[in-house]
Amino acid sequence: MAYEVAYMADKLHTSHNVILPALEQGKIVVADRYLLSSIGALLIRAPELATVVQDAIHNRPWFRDLAETLVKPDLSIHLFANAEVAVDRFHRLENNRAFDIESNAYQQLLDEGAEVAHANGMHLFDTTVDSVARTFSKIKPLLDEALTW
């Protein structure tokens, strides 16, 4: 429980002390690893927290209430790949090579993330087979629309 509180406190701090002031100054804020992707990244690096974190997300009103106070993005994009491809990409980064990831558990995490993303109106893009250029070509119209005032 202490970890969940510290995690949400960090997200709230960033939301209200970094993102919101920048938006109030008329700046455009692009964030990598907002709430959903941050939770996924956390669970990859600390799978022992999976039960606690999933319980907080699904069963703890305080967690949902705190999440509701975060600044809501105008555009939210969820990139994903199947577990085999995602684990391979993850392990290509030198700092991640020590992490042992079980593919079935990771696929379950990916599926849950995609379900939550879809339920919250995020735009989902499967990067399993598409190149970076092809994926960006699909995302660009959304960015153009979001950045047009």
C-alpha atoms as a PDB file:
ATOM      1  CA  MET A   1       0.000   0.000   0.000  1.00  0.00           C
ATOM      2  CA  ALA A   2       2.852   2.435   0.793  1.00  0.00           C
ATOM      3  CA  TYR A   3       4.291   1.947  -2.671  1.00  0.00           C
ATOM      4  CA  GLU A   4       0.932   2.686  -4.332  1.00  0.00           C
ATOM      5  CA  VAL A   5       0.620   5.907  -2.335  1.00  0.00           C
ATOM      6  CA  ALA A   6       4.157   7.011  -3.236  1.00  0.00           C
ATOM      7  CA  TYR A   7       3.538   6.162  -6.891  1.00  0.00           C
ATOM      8  CA  MET A   8       0.312   8.145  -7.081  1.00  0.00           C
ATOM      9  CA  ALA A   9       1.876  11.027  -5.145  1.00  0.00           C
ATOM     10  CA  ASP A  10       4.587  11.235  -7.803  1.00  0.00           C
ATOM     11  CA  LYS A  11       2.006  11.211 -10.629  1.00  0.00           C
ATOM     12  CA  LEU A  12      -0.081  13.877  -8.859  1.00  0.00           C
ATOM     13  CA  HIS A  13       2.990  16.026  -8.243  1.00  0.00           C
ATOM     14  CA  THR A  14       4.013  15.841 -11.905  1.00  0.00           C
ATOM     15  CA  SER A  15       0.457  16.457 -13.093  1.00  0.00           C
ATOM     16  CA  HIS A  16      -0.169  19.509 -10.924  1.00  0.00           C
ATOM     17  CA  ASN A  17       3.325  21.004 -10.627  1.00  0.00           C
ATOM     18  CA  VAL A  18       4.784  20.343 -14.067  1.00  0.00           C
ATOM     19  CA  ILE A  19       2.082  19.608 -16.643  1.00  0.00           C
ATOM     20  CA  LEU A  20      -0.692  21.945 -15.470  1.00  0.00           C
ATOM     21  CA  PRO A  21       1.553  25.052 -15.112  1.00  0.00           C
ATOM     22  CA  ALA A  22       2.993  24.419 -18.581  1.00  0.00           C
ATOM     23  CA  LEU A  23      -0.492  24.147 -20.072  1.00  0.00           C
ATOM     24  CA  GLU A  24      -1.563  27.314 -18.276  1.00  0.00           C
ATOM     25  CA  GLN A  25       1.375  29.085 -19.958  1.00  0.00           C
ATOM     26  CA  GLY A  26       0.044  27.963 -23.349  1.00  0.00           C
ATOM     27  CA  LYS A  27       2.713  25.320 -23.868  1.00  0.00           C
ATOM     28  CA  ILE A  28       2.165  21.968 -25.512  1.00  0.00           C
ATOM     29  CA  VAL A  29       3.036  19.053 -23.255  1.00  0.00           C
ATOM     30  CA  VAL A  30       4.023  15.682 -24.660  1.00  0.00           C
ATOM     31  CA  ALA A  31       4.405  13.028 -21.984  1.00  0.00           C
ATOM     32  CA  ASP A  32       5.806   9.550 -22.329  1.00  0.00           C
ATOM     33  CA  ARG A  33       4.714   7.166 -19.601  1.00  0.00           C
ATOM     34  CA  TYR A  34       1.653   8.800 -18.163  1.00  0.00           C
ATOM     35  CA  LEU A  35      -0.567   6.794 -15.822  1.00  0.00           C
ATOM     36  CA  LEU A  36      -1.358   3.609 -17.746  1.00  0.00           C
ATOM     37  CA  SER A  37       2.043   3.127 -19.352  1.00  0.00           C
ATOM     38  CA  SER A  38       3.774   3.968 -16.078  1.00  0.00           C
ATOM     39  CA  ILE A  39       1.837   1.225 -14.331  1.00  0.00           C
ATOM     40  CA  GLY A  40       2.767  -1.237 -17.073  1.00  0.00           C
ATOM     41  CA  ALA A  41       6.441  -0.281 -16.906  1.00  0.00           C
ATOM     42  CA  LEU A  42       6.349  -0.658 -13.127  1.00  0.00           C
ATOM     43  CA  LEU A  43       4.841  -4.142 -13.352  1.00  0.00           C
ATOM     44  CA  ILE A  44       7.497  -5.262 -15.835  1.00  0.00           C
ATOM     45  CA  ARG A  45      10.295  -4.159 -13.530  1.00  0.00           C
ATOM     46  CA  ALA A  46       8.643  -5.267 -10.278  1.00  0.00           C
ATOM     47  CA  PRO A  47       6.286  -8.166 -11.067  1.00  0.00           C
ATOM     48  CA  GLU A  48       6.052  -8.984  -7.370  1.00  0.00           C
ATOM     49  CA  LEU A  49       3.852  -5.883  -7.062  1.00  0.00           C
ATOM     50  CA  ALA A  50       1.354  -7.115  -9.669  1.00  0.00           C
ATOM     51  CA  THR A  51      -1.255  -8.365  -7.208  1.00  0.00           C
ATOM     52  CA  VAL A  52      -1.062  -5.246  -5.061  1.00  0.00           C
ATOM     53  CA  VAL A  53      -1.136  -2.831  -8.007  1.00  0.00           C
ATOM     54  CA  GLN A  54      -3.935  -4.651  -9.824  1.00  0.00           C
ATOM     55  CA  ASP A  55      -5.944  -4.721  -6.595  1.00  0.00           C
ATOM     56  CA  ALA A  56      -5.475  -0.959  -6.233  1.00  0.00           C
ATOM     57  CA  ILE A  57      -6.502  -0.304  -9.833  1.00  0.00           C
ATOM     58  CA  HIS A  58      -9.596  -2.500  -9.791  1.00  0.00           C
ATOM     59  CA  ASN A  59     -10.776  -2.472  -6.179  1.00  0.00           C
ATOM     60  CA  ARG A  60      -9.548   0.599  -4.341  1.00  0.00           C
ATOM     61  CA  PRO A  61     -11.704   3.706  -4.705  1.00  0.00           C
ATOM     62  CA  TRP A  62      -8.892   5.926  -3.386  1.00  0.00           C
ATOM     63  CA  PHE A  63      -6.665   4.901  -6.306  1.00  0.00           C
ATOM     64  CA  ARG A  64      -9.381   5.667  -8.870  1.00  0.00           C
ATOM     65  CA  ASP A  65     -10.193   8.939  -7.088  1.00  0.00           C
ATOM     66  CA  LEU A  66      -6.553  10.009  -7.233  1.00  0.00           C
ATOM     67  CA  ALA A  67      -6.286   9.013 -10.887  1.00  0.00           C
ATOM     68  CA  GLU A  68      -9.327  11.187 -11.607  1.00  0.00           C
ATOM     69  CA  THR A  69      -7.463  14.274 -10.330  1.00  0.00           C
ATOM     70  CA  LEU A  70      -4.662  13.932 -12.899  1.00  0.00           C
ATOM     71  CA  VAL A  71      -4.646  16.351 -15.828  1.00  0.00           C
ATOM     72  CA  LYS A  72      -6.532  14.668 -18.665  1.00  0.00           C
ATOM     73  CA  PRO A  73      -4.724  14.558 -22.016  1.00  0.00           C
ATOM     74  CA  ASP A  74      -6.329  15.926 -25.167  1.00  0.00           C
ATOM     75  CA  LEU A  75      -4.873  12.961 -27.032  1.00  0.00           C
ATOM     76  CA  SER A  76      -3.747   9.679 -25.565  1.00  0.00           C
ATOM     77  CA  ILE A  77      -2.009   7.038 -27.662  1.00  0.00           C
ATOM     78  CA  HIS A  78      -1.348   3.467 -26.560  1.00  0.00           C
ATOM     79  CA  LEU A  79       1.333   1.622 -28.545  1.00  0.00           C
ATOM     80  CA  PHE A  80       1.594  -2.121 -28.029  1.00  0.00           C
ATOM     81  CA  ALA A  81       3.020  -5.283 -29.565  1.00  0.00           C
ATOM     82  CA  ASN A  82       2.504  -8.954 -28.888  1.00  0.00           C
ATOM     83  CA  ALA A  83       4.461 -10.332 -25.927  1.00  0.00           C
ATOM     84  CA  GLU A  84       7.199 -12.025 -27.945  1.00  0.00           C
ATOM     85  CA  VAL A  85       8.032  -8.862 -29.889  1.00  0.00           C
ATOM     86  CA  ALA A  86       7.632  -6.612 -26.854  1.00  0.00           C
ATOM     87  CA  VAL A  87       9.913  -8.747 -24.664  1.00  0.00           C
ATOM     88  CA  ASP A  88      12.537  -8.816 -27.428  1.00  0.00           C
ATOM     89  CA  ARG A  89      12.385  -5.017 -27.752  1.00  0.00           C
ATOM     90  CA  PHE A  90      12.532  -4.625 -23.971  1.00  0.00           C
ATOM     91  CA  HIS A  91      15.647  -6.806 -23.677  1.00  0.00           C
ATOM     92  CA  ARG A  92      17.448  -4.934 -26.476  1.00  0.00           C
ATOM     93  CA  LEU A  93      17.912  -2.057 -24.036  1.00  0.00           C
ATOM     94  CA  GLU A  94      21.025  -2.744 -21.994  1.00  0.00           C
ATOM     95  CA  ASN A  95      19.475  -1.645 -18.679  1.00  0.00           C
ATOM     96  CA  ASN A  96      16.641  -4.137 -19.121  1.00  0.00           C
ATOM     97  CA  ARG A  97      18.644  -7.288 -19.858  1.00  0.00           C
ATOM     98  CA  ALA A  98      18.672  -8.392 -16.227  1.00  0.00           C
ATOM     99  CA  PHE A  99      14.875  -8.532 -16.021  1.00  0.00           C
ATOM    100  CA  ASP A 100      13.350 -11.973 -16.504  1.00  0.00           C
ATOM    101  CA  ILE A 101       9.964 -11.615 -18.153  1.00  0.00           C
ATOM    102  CA  GLU A 102       7.559 -14.520 -18.513  1.00  0.00           C
ATOM    103  CA  SER A 103       5.829 -14.191 -21.906  1.00  0.00           C
ATOM    104  CA  ASN A 104       2.383 -15.433 -20.836  1.00  0.00           C
ATOM    105  CA  ALA A 105       2.250 -13.096 -17.851  1.00  0.00           C
ATOM    106  CA  TYR A 106       3.471 -10.250 -20.040  1.00  0.00           C
ATOM    107  CA  GLN A 107       0.820 -10.997 -22.675  1.00  0.00           C
ATOM    108  CA  GLN A 108      -1.816 -10.851 -19.932  1.00  0.00           C
ATOM    109  CA  LEU A 109      -0.462  -7.457 -18.838  1.00  0.00           C
ATOM    110  CA  LEU A 110      -0.522  -6.242 -22.461  1.00  0.00           C
ATOM    111  CA  ASP A 111      -4.093  -7.452 -22.929  1.00  0.00           C
ATOM    112  CA  GLU A 112      -5.244  -5.791 -19.710  1.00  0.00           C
ATOM    113  CA  GLY A 113      -3.475  -2.564 -20.684  1.00  0.00           C
ATOM    114  CA  ALA A 114      -5.149  -2.550 -24.100  1.00  0.00           C
ATOM    115  CA  GLU A 115      -8.541  -3.195 -22.499  1.00  0.00           C
ATOM    116  CA  VAL A 116      -8.112  -0.312 -20.039  1.00  0.00           C
ATOM    117  CA  ALA A 117      -6.786   1.942 -22.806  1.00  0.00           C
ATOM    118  CA  HIS A 118      -9.749   1.178 -25.059  1.00  0.00           C
ATOM    119  CA  ALA A 119     -12.236   1.661 -22.214  1.00  0.00           C
ATOM    120  CA  ASN A 120     -10.725   5.108 -21.544  1.00  0.00           C
ATOM    121  CA  GLY A 121     -10.885   6.360 -25.117  1.00  0.00           C
ATOM    122  CA  MET A 122      -7.215   5.970 -25.930  1.00  0.00           C
ATOM    123  CA  HIS A 123      -6.133   5.379 -29.524  1.00  0.00           C
ATOM    124  CA  LEU A 124      -4.519   1.939 -29.795  1.00  0.00           C
ATOM    125  CA  PHE A 125      -1.829   1.044 -32.323  1.00  0.00           C
ATOM    126  CA  ASP A 126      -0.361  -2.445 -32.708  1.00  0.00           C
ATOM    127  CA  THR A 127       3.338  -2.093 -33.506  1.00  0.00           C
ATOM    128  CA  THR A 128       3.987  -5.840 -33.797  1.00  0.00           C
ATOM    129  CA  VAL A 129       4.529  -5.776 -37.557  1.00  0.00           C
ATOM    130  CA  ASP A 130       4.361  -2.106 -38.543  1.00  0.00           C
ATOM    131  CA  SER A 131       7.538  -0.097 -38.937  1.00  0.00           C
ATOM    132  CA  VAL A 132       8.064   3.076 -36.939  1.00  0.00           C
ATOM    133  CA  ALA A 133       7.324   5.110 -40.092  1.00  0.00           C
ATOM    134  CA  ARG A 134       4.080   3.218 -40.783  1.00  0.00           C
ATOM    135  CA  THR A 135       2.931   3.545 -37.170  1.00  0.00           C
ATOM    136  CA  PHE A 136       3.703   7.263 -37.167  1.00  0.00           C
ATOM    137  CA  SER A 137       1.800   7.712 -40.429  1.00  0.00           C
ATOM    138  CA  LYS A 138      -1.266   6.315 -38.637  1.00  0.00           C
ATOM    139  CA  ILE A 139      -0.754   8.556 -35.590  1.00  0.00           C
ATOM    140  CA  LYS A 140       0.089  11.788 -37.448  1.00  0.00           C
ATOM    141  CA  PRO A 141      -3.513  12.685 -38.386  1.00  0.00           C
ATOM    142  CA  LEU A 142      -4.464  12.478 -34.697  1.00  0.00           C
ATOM    143  CA  LEU A 143      -1.559  14.753 -33.787  1.00  0.00           C
ATOM    144  CA  ASP A 144      -2.475  17.202 -36.549  1.00  0.00           C
ATOM    145  CA  GLU A 145      -6.045  17.349 -35.280  1.00  0.00           C
ATOM    146  CA  ALA A 146      -5.025  17.707 -31.630  1.00  0.00           C
ATOM    147  CA  LEU A 147      -2.535  20.464 -32.413  1.00  0.00           C
ATOM    148  CA  THR A 148      -4.930  22.526 -34.549  1.00  0.00           C
ATOM    149  CA  TRP A 149      -6.645  25.302 -32.675  1.00  0.00           C
END
